[in-house]
Amino acid sequence: MAKEQARVHLRKKETFIWNATNISKNIRKTLIEMFQDYGAKTKLIYLEVPYQKLLKQNSDREYPIPQKVLEKMISGLQVPADWEAPVVELFTR
């Protein structure tokens, strides 16, 4: 459903933000290729917080991610490389 909504924006040449946890380059690649197929300008913004803050943010969520699932996500994280999109910005705290 989200991809179809993105296509609606892309067809109309509307600006939008795809806000998602895309931890693998393969998932990002599929999305970036879709955006670029429509001629969209693409910018990746990677935000990282310290581990303890990440745990606190997760515990404060209405529906926290189970610890084992969160650890698996962290271990599989592939930080975006500068070649994945025309603009890649990395922010860590």
N, C-alpha and C. Protein backbone atom coordinates (compact mmCIF):
# COMPACT_ATOMS: atom_id res chain seq x y z
N MET A 1 0.82 -1.17 0.00
CA MET A 1 0.00 0.00 0.00
C MET A 1 0.88 1.26 0.00
N ALA A 2 1.97 1.23 0.77
CA ALA A 2 2.85 2.39 0.84
C ALA A 2 3.52 2.66 -0.51
N LYS A 3 3.93 1.58 -1.19
CA LYS A 3 4.55 1.77 -2.51
C LYS A 3 3.57 2.37 -3.50
N GLU A 4 2.33 1.94 -3.45
CA GLU A 4 1.34 2.48 -4.37
C GLU A 4 1.09 3.96 -4.06
N GLN A 5 1.04 4.32 -2.80
CA GLN A 5 0.87 5.73 -2.44
C GLN A 5 2.07 6.55 -2.93
N ALA A 6 3.27 5.97 -2.82
CA ALA A 6 4.46 6.66 -3.34
C ALA A 6 4.34 6.86 -4.84
N ARG A 7 3.86 5.85 -5.55
CA ARG A 7 3.70 5.97 -7.01
C ARG A 7 2.71 7.09 -7.37
N VAL A 8 1.67 7.24 -6.57
CA VAL A 8 0.71 8.33 -6.80
C VAL A 8 1.46 9.67 -6.73
N HIS A 9 2.26 9.86 -5.69
CA HIS A 9 3.04 11.09 -5.55
C HIS A 9 4.04 11.24 -6.70
N LEU A 10 4.70 10.14 -7.04
CA LEU A 10 5.70 10.18 -8.11
C LEU A 10 5.08 10.57 -9.45
N ARG A 11 3.92 9.99 -9.76
CA ARG A 11 3.25 10.32 -11.03
C ARG A 11 2.87 11.80 -11.08
N LYS A 12 2.51 12.35 -9.92
CA LYS A 12 2.12 13.76 -9.86
C LYS A 12 3.32 14.69 -9.69
N LYS A 13 4.52 14.08 -9.60
CA LYS A 13 5.76 14.84 -9.38
C LYS A 13 5.71 15.65 -8.07
N GLU A 14 5.07 15.07 -7.07
CA GLU A 14 4.95 15.71 -5.76
C GLU A 14 6.12 15.33 -4.86
N THR A 15 6.52 16.25 -4.05
CA THR A 15 7.56 15.99 -3.05
C THR A 15 6.95 15.19 -1.90
N PHE A 16 7.67 14.17 -1.44
CA PHE A 16 7.23 13.40 -0.27
C PHE A 16 8.44 12.78 0.41
N ILE A 17 8.22 12.32 1.61
CA ILE A 17 9.27 11.66 2.39
C ILE A 17 8.85 10.22 2.63
N TRP A 18 9.76 9.30 2.36
CA TRP A 18 9.54 7.89 2.67
C TRP A 18 10.26 7.66 3.99
N ASN A 19 9.52 7.58 5.07
CA ASN A 19 10.09 7.43 6.40
C ASN A 19 9.97 5.96 6.81
N ALA A 20 11.10 5.26 6.80
CA ALA A 20 11.05 3.83 7.11
C ALA A 20 12.40 3.36 7.62
N THR A 21 12.37 2.26 8.33
CA THR A 21 13.60 1.62 8.78
C THR A 21 14.03 0.62 7.71
N ASN A 22 14.85 1.09 6.79
CA ASN A 22 15.36 0.23 5.72
C ASN A 22 16.79 -0.15 6.07
N ILE A 23 16.93 -1.25 6.79
CA ILE A 23 18.24 -1.59 7.33
C ILE A 23 19.15 -2.32 6.34
N SER A 24 18.60 -2.79 5.21
CA SER A 24 19.45 -3.49 4.25
C SER A 24 19.52 -2.72 2.94
N LYS A 25 20.68 -2.82 2.29
CA LYS A 25 20.85 -2.09 1.03
C LYS A 25 19.92 -2.63 -0.05
N ASN A 26 19.55 -3.91 0.02
CA ASN A 26 18.65 -4.47 -1.00
C ASN A 26 17.26 -3.84 -0.95
N ILE A 27 16.75 -3.62 0.25
CA ILE A 27 15.44 -2.97 0.39
C ILE A 27 15.53 -1.54 -0.11
N ARG A 28 16.60 -0.84 0.31
CA ARG A 28 16.78 0.54 -0.15
C ARG A 28 16.92 0.61 -1.66
N LYS A 29 17.67 -0.33 -2.23
CA LYS A 29 17.90 -0.33 -3.68
C LYS A 29 16.58 -0.43 -4.44
N THR A 30 15.70 -1.32 -4.03
CA THR A 30 14.40 -1.48 -4.69
C THR A 30 13.62 -0.18 -4.67
N LEU A 31 13.59 0.48 -3.52
CA LEU A 31 12.86 1.73 -3.41
C LEU A 31 13.51 2.84 -4.23
N ILE A 32 14.82 2.97 -4.13
CA ILE A 32 15.53 4.03 -4.86
C ILE A 32 15.35 3.85 -6.36
N GLU A 33 15.41 2.61 -6.83
CA GLU A 33 15.20 2.37 -8.26
C GLU A 33 13.79 2.77 -8.68
N MET A 34 12.80 2.47 -7.84
CA MET A 34 11.43 2.89 -8.15
C MET A 34 11.35 4.41 -8.24
N PHE A 35 11.93 5.10 -7.27
CA PHE A 35 11.89 6.56 -7.28
C PHE A 35 12.58 7.12 -8.52
N GLN A 36 13.73 6.56 -8.84
CA GLN A 36 14.50 7.07 -9.98
C GLN A 36 13.83 6.74 -11.32
N ASP A 37 13.10 5.63 -11.37
CA ASP A 37 12.35 5.29 -12.60
C ASP A 37 11.36 6.39 -12.95
N TYR A 38 10.89 7.10 -11.94
CA TYR A 38 9.95 8.21 -12.15
C TYR A 38 10.67 9.55 -12.30
N GLY A 39 11.99 9.52 -12.28
CA GLY A 39 12.77 10.74 -12.43
C GLY A 39 12.84 11.58 -11.16
N ALA A 40 12.54 10.98 -10.04
CA ALA A 40 12.55 11.72 -8.77
C ALA A 40 13.98 11.95 -8.27
N LYS A 41 14.16 13.06 -7.60
CA LYS A 41 15.42 13.33 -6.92
C LYS A 41 15.37 12.56 -5.61
N THR A 42 16.41 11.81 -5.31
CA THR A 42 16.42 10.95 -4.14
C THR A 42 17.54 11.33 -3.19
N LYS A 43 17.20 11.43 -1.91
CA LYS A 43 18.19 11.70 -0.87
C LYS A 43 17.96 10.70 0.25
N LEU A 44 19.03 10.02 0.66
CA LEU A 44 18.96 9.14 1.83
C LEU A 44 19.45 9.90 3.05
N ILE A 45 18.70 9.82 4.12
CA ILE A 45 19.14 10.42 5.38
C ILE A 45 19.14 9.31 6.42
N TYR A 46 20.33 9.03 6.95
CA TYR A 46 20.51 7.97 7.95
C TYR A 46 20.70 8.63 9.31
N LEU A 47 19.85 8.27 10.25
CA LEU A 47 19.94 8.81 11.61
C LEU A 47 20.27 7.69 12.58
N GLU A 48 21.28 7.90 13.39
CA GLU A 48 21.67 6.89 14.37
C GLU A 48 21.79 7.53 15.74
N VAL A 49 21.26 6.85 16.73
CA VAL A 49 21.36 7.32 18.11
C VAL A 49 22.20 6.31 18.90
N PRO A 50 22.76 6.73 20.03
CA PRO A 50 23.51 5.79 20.87
C PRO A 50 22.61 4.61 21.30
N TYR A 51 23.25 3.49 21.51
CA TYR A 51 22.53 2.25 21.84
C TYR A 51 21.56 2.42 23.00
N GLN A 52 22.01 3.03 24.09
CA GLN A 52 21.13 3.19 25.26
C GLN A 52 19.91 4.06 24.94
N LYS A 53 20.11 5.07 24.12
CA LYS A 53 18.98 5.92 23.72
C LYS A 53 18.02 5.12 22.84
N LEU A 54 18.57 4.30 21.97
CA LEU A 54 17.74 3.44 21.12
C LEU A 54 16.87 2.54 21.97
N LEU A 55 17.45 1.92 23.00
CA LEU A 55 16.69 1.05 23.90
C LEU A 55 15.59 1.83 24.62
N LYS A 56 15.93 3.05 25.06
CA LYS A 56 14.94 3.88 25.76
C LYS A 56 13.81 4.27 24.82
N GLN A 57 14.15 4.68 23.61
CA GLN A 57 13.12 5.04 22.64
C GLN A 57 12.21 3.86 22.35
N ASN A 58 12.80 2.68 22.23
CA ASN A 58 12.01 1.49 21.97
C ASN A 58 11.08 1.18 23.14
N SER A 59 11.60 1.27 24.36
CA SER A 59 10.76 0.96 25.52
C SER A 59 9.64 1.98 25.69
N ASP A 60 9.83 3.18 25.19
CA ASP A 60 8.81 4.23 25.30
C ASP A 60 7.74 4.14 24.21
N ARG A 61 7.94 3.28 23.24
CA ARG A 61 6.96 3.13 22.16
C ARG A 61 5.67 2.51 22.69
N GLU A 62 4.57 2.79 22.02
CA GLU A 62 3.31 2.16 22.40
C GLU A 62 3.41 0.64 22.26
N TYR A 63 4.08 0.19 21.20
CA TYR A 63 4.29 -1.24 20.96
C TYR A 63 5.79 -1.49 20.76
N PRO A 64 6.53 -1.67 21.85
CA PRO A 64 7.98 -1.88 21.72
C PRO A 64 8.32 -3.13 20.91
N ILE A 65 9.43 -3.05 20.22
CA ILE A 65 9.96 -4.20 19.49
C ILE A 65 10.60 -5.13 20.51
N PRO A 66 10.31 -6.43 20.46
CA PRO A 66 10.96 -7.36 21.41
C PRO A 66 12.49 -7.27 21.30
N GLN A 67 13.16 -7.40 22.44
CA GLN A 67 14.62 -7.24 22.51
C GLN A 67 15.35 -8.13 21.49
N LYS A 68 14.94 -9.40 21.36
CA LYS A 68 15.61 -10.30 20.42
C LYS A 68 15.46 -9.82 18.98
N VAL A 69 14.30 -9.32 18.65
CA VAL A 69 14.04 -8.81 17.30
C VAL A 69 14.88 -7.56 17.07
N LEU A 70 14.93 -6.68 18.04
CA LEU A 70 15.71 -5.46 17.92
C LEU A 70 17.19 -5.78 17.73
N GLU A 71 17.71 -6.72 18.51
CA GLU A 71 19.12 -7.11 18.39
C GLU A 71 19.41 -7.71 17.01
N LYS A 72 18.46 -8.49 16.49
CA LYS A 72 18.64 -9.06 15.15
C LYS A 72 18.68 -7.96 14.10
N MET A 73 17.81 -6.97 14.25
CA MET A 73 17.80 -5.84 13.32
C MET A 73 19.13 -5.09 13.37
N ILE A 74 19.63 -4.86 14.57
CA ILE A 74 20.90 -4.15 14.73
C ILE A 74 22.04 -4.93 14.10
N SER A 75 22.06 -6.24 14.31
CA SER A 75 23.15 -7.05 13.77
C SER A 75 23.11 -7.13 12.24
N GLY A 76 21.92 -6.93 11.66
CA GLY A 76 21.80 -6.97 10.20
C GLY A 76 21.87 -5.62 9.53
N LEU A 77 22.10 -4.57 10.32
CA LEU A 77 22.12 -3.21 9.78
C LEU A 77 23.24 -3.02 8.77
N GLN A 78 22.89 -2.47 7.63
CA GLN A 78 23.87 -2.06 6.62
C GLN A 78 23.72 -0.55 6.46
N VAL A 79 24.67 0.18 7.02
CA VAL A 79 24.63 1.64 6.94
C VAL A 79 24.71 2.04 5.47
N PRO A 80 23.90 3.00 5.05
CA PRO A 80 23.93 3.40 3.64
C PRO A 80 25.31 3.88 3.19
N ALA A 81 25.70 3.44 2.02
CA ALA A 81 26.96 3.87 1.41
C ALA A 81 26.69 5.11 0.57
N ASP A 82 27.72 5.91 0.36
CA ASP A 82 27.53 7.17 -0.35
C ASP A 82 27.15 6.98 -1.82
N TRP A 83 27.31 5.80 -2.36
CA TRP A 83 26.97 5.54 -3.77
C TRP A 83 25.53 5.04 -3.96
N GLU A 84 24.79 4.82 -2.88
CA GLU A 84 23.44 4.24 -3.00
C GLU A 84 22.41 5.21 -3.58
N ALA A 85 22.64 6.49 -3.45
CA ALA A 85 21.71 7.49 -3.95
C ALA A 85 22.51 8.74 -4.33
N PRO A 86 21.92 9.62 -5.13
CA PRO A 86 22.65 10.83 -5.50
C PRO A 86 23.11 11.65 -4.29
N VAL A 87 22.31 11.66 -3.23
CA VAL A 87 22.68 12.36 -1.99
C VAL A 87 22.47 11.40 -0.82
N VAL A 88 23.49 11.22 -0.02
CA VAL A 88 23.41 10.38 1.18
C VAL A 88 23.97 11.19 2.34
N GLU A 89 23.16 11.37 3.38
CA GLU A 89 23.58 12.11 4.56
C GLU A 89 23.52 11.18 5.76
N LEU A 90 24.58 11.15 6.55
CA LEU A 90 24.66 10.30 7.73
C LEU A 90 24.74 11.19 8.97
N PHE A 91 23.87 10.93 9.93
CA PHE A 91 23.87 11.69 11.18
C PHE A 91 23.93 10.72 12.34
N THR A 92 24.91 10.91 13.22
CA THR A 92 25.00 10.10 14.42
C THR A 92 25.11 11.04 15.61
N ARG A 93 24.66 10.56 16.75
CA ARG A 93 24.74 11.38 17.98
C ARG A 93 25.48 10.64 19.03
